[in-house]
Amino acid sequence: PLAITSQPSDATVIEGDTAAFTVEATGEGLAYQWQYLEAGGTEWQDSGLPGHDSSTVTVALTSDKSGQQYRCVVTDAYGESVESETAVLTIKAAVGIVTQPSDQIVASGRTATFEVVAEGEGLTYQWQYSKNKSTWTDWSGKTSAAASVTGTSKNSGYSYRCVVTDAYGNTATSEAALLTVKTPLA
């Protein structure tokens, strides 16, 4: 007899990735038609997405699809059909740098502060520094959106950047900002 043996599961994914919904069924001569319901909608529509007529449908993720529901109508060779349970698609914004840190010029002994503004979920920050912009070193203890350093002749010419990581392990690296330290005239 026609029966669904495995239901599609909800999916939470990062914008720009893809999600796949799968259904498993038993019966003879099975045909599949995936359907979707817009967030807040009331009318199911047949999907035209890749795999819409197979046991697995693939959804390319854009923010406008967040909250959509997906189900599959499975029909057997005798014209009987059954609907799967619904699965909800939730799309999370990818981590992104909104505001880059800017170059700083300070007098020797003064504090320079580098800041980054990022968006995403569960963000963590790790500042790095480099003398040549090819080898970067994690800046110990600098794990917030802003990092300060006292300007000295030794760190003049160093560059600073921030690696931001979201709750899903995705990263974004800011542009490098240059520190220039001026020695006051005697």
Protein backbone atom coordinates (compact mmCIF):
# COMPACT_ATOMS: atom_id res chain seq x y z
CA PRO A 1 0.00 0.00 0.00
CA LEU A 2 0.99 3.62 -0.51
CA ALA A 3 2.60 5.08 2.60
CA ILE A 4 5.17 7.69 3.59
CA THR A 5 7.90 6.00 5.62
CA SER A 6 10.15 9.01 6.26
CA GLN A 7 8.98 12.61 6.56
CA PRO A 8 10.91 15.72 5.44
CA SER A 9 12.71 17.58 8.24
CA ASP A 10 12.86 21.29 9.02
CA ALA A 11 16.01 22.99 7.74
CA THR A 12 17.93 25.96 9.15
CA VAL A 13 20.64 27.12 6.76
CA ILE A 14 22.78 30.10 5.84
CA GLU A 15 21.62 32.46 3.09
CA GLY A 16 23.32 31.62 -0.20
CA ASP A 17 23.60 27.88 0.54
CA THR A 18 21.10 25.24 -0.54
CA ALA A 19 18.68 23.11 1.44
CA ALA A 20 17.32 19.71 0.50
CA PHE A 21 14.06 18.17 1.67
CA THR A 22 13.60 14.41 1.31
CA VAL A 23 10.63 12.11 1.64
CA GLU A 24 10.60 8.32 1.51
CA ALA A 25 7.53 6.32 0.50
CA THR A 26 6.44 2.79 -0.36
CA GLY A 27 4.03 1.74 -3.07
CA GLU A 28 3.94 0.94 -6.78
CA GLY A 29 4.84 3.37 -9.59
CA LEU A 30 5.38 6.33 -7.29
CA ALA A 31 5.27 9.91 -8.59
CA TYR A 32 6.34 12.91 -6.52
CA GLN A 33 5.26 16.54 -6.56
CA TRP A 34 6.80 18.94 -4.07
CA GLN A 35 4.74 21.92 -3.00
CA TYR A 36 5.53 25.06 -1.04
CA LEU A 37 3.59 27.53 1.04
CA GLU A 38 4.86 31.09 1.35
CA ALA A 39 5.47 32.35 4.89
CA GLY A 40 2.11 33.66 6.07
CA GLY A 41 0.42 32.22 2.97
CA THR A 42 -2.68 30.05 2.78
CA GLU A 43 -2.40 28.37 -0.62
CA TRP A 44 0.00 25.56 -1.49
CA GLN A 45 1.71 25.86 -4.87
CA ASP A 46 3.45 23.22 -6.97
CA SER A 47 7.22 23.71 -6.93
CA GLY A 48 9.36 23.98 -10.05
CA LEU A 49 12.63 23.71 -8.13
CA PRO A 50 15.27 21.10 -9.01
CA GLY A 51 13.96 17.71 -7.88
CA HIS A 52 10.34 18.91 -7.58
CA ASP A 53 9.23 15.62 -9.17
CA SER A 54 11.54 13.31 -7.19
CA SER A 55 11.91 12.21 -3.58
CA THR A 56 14.35 15.10 -2.88
CA VAL A 57 13.81 18.75 -3.74
CA THR A 58 16.66 21.29 -3.60
CA VAL A 59 16.07 24.92 -2.61
CA ALA A 60 18.58 27.69 -3.37
CA LEU A 61 18.44 30.01 -0.41
CA THR A 62 17.57 33.65 -0.51
CA SER A 63 16.23 35.62 2.42
CA ASP A 64 12.74 35.83 0.88
CA LYS A 65 12.35 32.05 1.25
CA SER A 66 12.76 32.08 5.03
CA GLY A 67 9.63 30.73 6.68
CA GLN A 68 8.41 28.85 3.61
CA GLN A 69 6.96 25.40 4.20
CA TYR A 70 7.52 22.38 1.96
CA ARG A 71 5.60 19.14 1.57
CA CYS A 72 5.47 16.34 -0.98
CA VAL A 73 2.41 14.78 -2.56
CA VAL A 74 3.18 11.17 -3.45
CA THR A 75 0.92 9.41 -5.94
CA ASP A 76 1.00 5.69 -6.78
CA ALA A 77 0.22 3.80 -10.00
CA TYR A 78 -3.45 3.46 -8.96
CA GLY A 79 -4.02 7.21 -8.58
CA GLU A 80 -4.00 7.15 -4.79
CA SER A 81 -2.08 10.00 -3.16
CA VAL A 82 -0.77 10.95 0.25
CA GLU A 83 0.77 14.19 1.53
CA SER A 84 3.88 14.32 3.65
CA GLU A 85 4.13 16.37 6.80
CA THR A 86 5.39 19.92 6.27
CA ALA A 87 8.96 21.02 6.78
CA VAL A 88 9.85 24.65 7.54
CA LEU A 89 12.79 26.45 5.96
CA THR A 90 14.60 28.98 8.15
CA ILE A 91 17.35 31.08 6.60
CA LYS A 92 20.01 32.73 8.71
CA ALA A 93 22.04 35.67 7.44
CA ALA A 94 25.65 34.84 6.67
CA VAL A 95 28.28 36.65 8.71
CA GLY A 96 29.29 39.88 7.03
CA ILE A 97 31.40 42.93 7.72
CA VAL A 98 29.23 46.05 7.66
CA THR A 99 31.84 48.64 8.69
CA GLN A 100 35.57 48.12 8.11
CA PRO A 101 38.23 49.28 10.56
CA SER A 102 39.94 52.50 9.50
CA ASP A 103 43.60 53.54 9.47
CA GLN A 104 44.74 55.28 12.65
CA ILE A 105 47.34 58.03 13.09
CA VAL A 106 48.31 58.73 16.69
CA ALA A 107 51.10 60.43 18.60
CA SER A 108 53.56 58.16 20.37
CA GLY A 109 52.09 57.05 23.70
CA ARG A 110 48.49 57.68 22.59
CA THR A 111 45.84 55.00 22.10
CA ALA A 112 44.58 53.91 18.70
CA THR A 113 41.30 52.03 18.53
CA PHE A 114 40.28 49.81 15.63
CA GLU A 115 36.62 48.87 15.30
CA VAL A 116 34.61 46.56 13.10
CA VAL A 117 30.84 46.26 12.74
CA ALA A 118 29.56 42.87 11.61
CA GLU A 119 26.22 41.15 11.22
CA GLY A 120 25.25 37.54 11.78
CA GLU A 121 24.30 35.28 14.66
CA GLY A 122 26.40 34.44 17.69
CA LEU A 123 29.39 36.50 16.52
CA THR A 124 32.87 36.12 17.98
CA TYR A 125 35.84 38.31 17.14
CA GLN A 126 39.59 37.70 16.85
CA TRP A 127 41.87 40.62 15.99
CA GLN A 128 45.13 39.95 14.19
CA TYR A 129 48.21 42.05 13.45
CA SER A 130 50.91 41.98 10.80
CA LYS A 131 54.05 43.93 9.91
CA ASN A 132 53.98 42.92 6.23
CA LYS A 133 50.30 42.00 5.54
CA SER A 134 51.34 38.51 4.45
CA THR A 135 51.78 36.83 7.83
CA TRP A 136 49.04 37.45 10.38
CA THR A 137 49.24 36.70 14.11
CA ASP A 138 46.25 36.43 16.48
CA TRP A 139 46.27 39.38 18.84
CA SER A 140 46.07 37.86 22.31
CA GLY A 141 43.08 38.99 24.35
CA LYS A 142 41.59 41.10 21.55
CA THR A 143 38.26 39.33 21.10
CA SER A 144 35.64 42.06 20.89
CA ALA A 145 34.39 44.33 18.11
CA ALA A 146 36.97 46.98 19.07
CA ALA A 147 40.66 46.65 19.86
CA SER A 148 42.96 49.32 21.26
CA VAL A 149 46.72 49.62 21.21
CA THR A 150 49.15 52.22 22.53
CA GLY A 151 51.16 53.71 19.67
CA THR A 152 54.93 53.22 19.84
CA SER A 153 57.77 53.41 17.34
CA LYS A 154 57.82 49.58 17.36
CA ASN A 155 54.23 49.10 16.18
CA SER A 156 54.12 52.01 13.75
CA GLY A 157 53.47 50.57 10.29
CA TYR A 158 51.68 47.48 11.60
CA SER A 159 48.32 46.51 10.11
CA TYR A 160 45.34 45.23 12.08
CA ARG A 161 42.31 43.23 10.94
CA CYS A 162 39.49 41.26 12.54
CA VAL A 163 38.25 37.73 11.81
CA VAL A 164 34.56 37.46 12.68
CA THR A 165 32.99 34.02 13.14
CA ASP A 166 29.27 33.30 13.43
CA ALA A 167 27.45 30.59 15.38
CA TYR A 168 27.65 28.24 12.37
CA GLY A 169 31.43 28.48 11.95
CA ASN A 170 31.33 30.82 8.94
CA THR A 171 33.97 33.55 8.93
CA ALA A 172 34.48 36.97 7.42
CA THR A 173 37.78 38.84 7.58
CA SER A 174 37.84 42.62 7.67
CA GLU A 175 40.10 44.77 5.56
CA ALA A 176 43.45 45.66 7.12
CA ALA A 177 43.83 49.02 8.84
CA LEU A 178 47.25 50.69 9.20
CA LEU A 179 48.67 52.19 12.39
CA THR A 180 50.93 55.18 11.96
CA VAL A 181 52.64 56.56 15.06
CA LYS A 182 54.02 60.10 14.98
CA THR A 183 56.81 61.13 17.30
CA PRO A 184 56.20 64.58 18.83
CA LEU A 185 58.75 67.27 18.02
CA ALA A 186 61.10 68.06 20.87
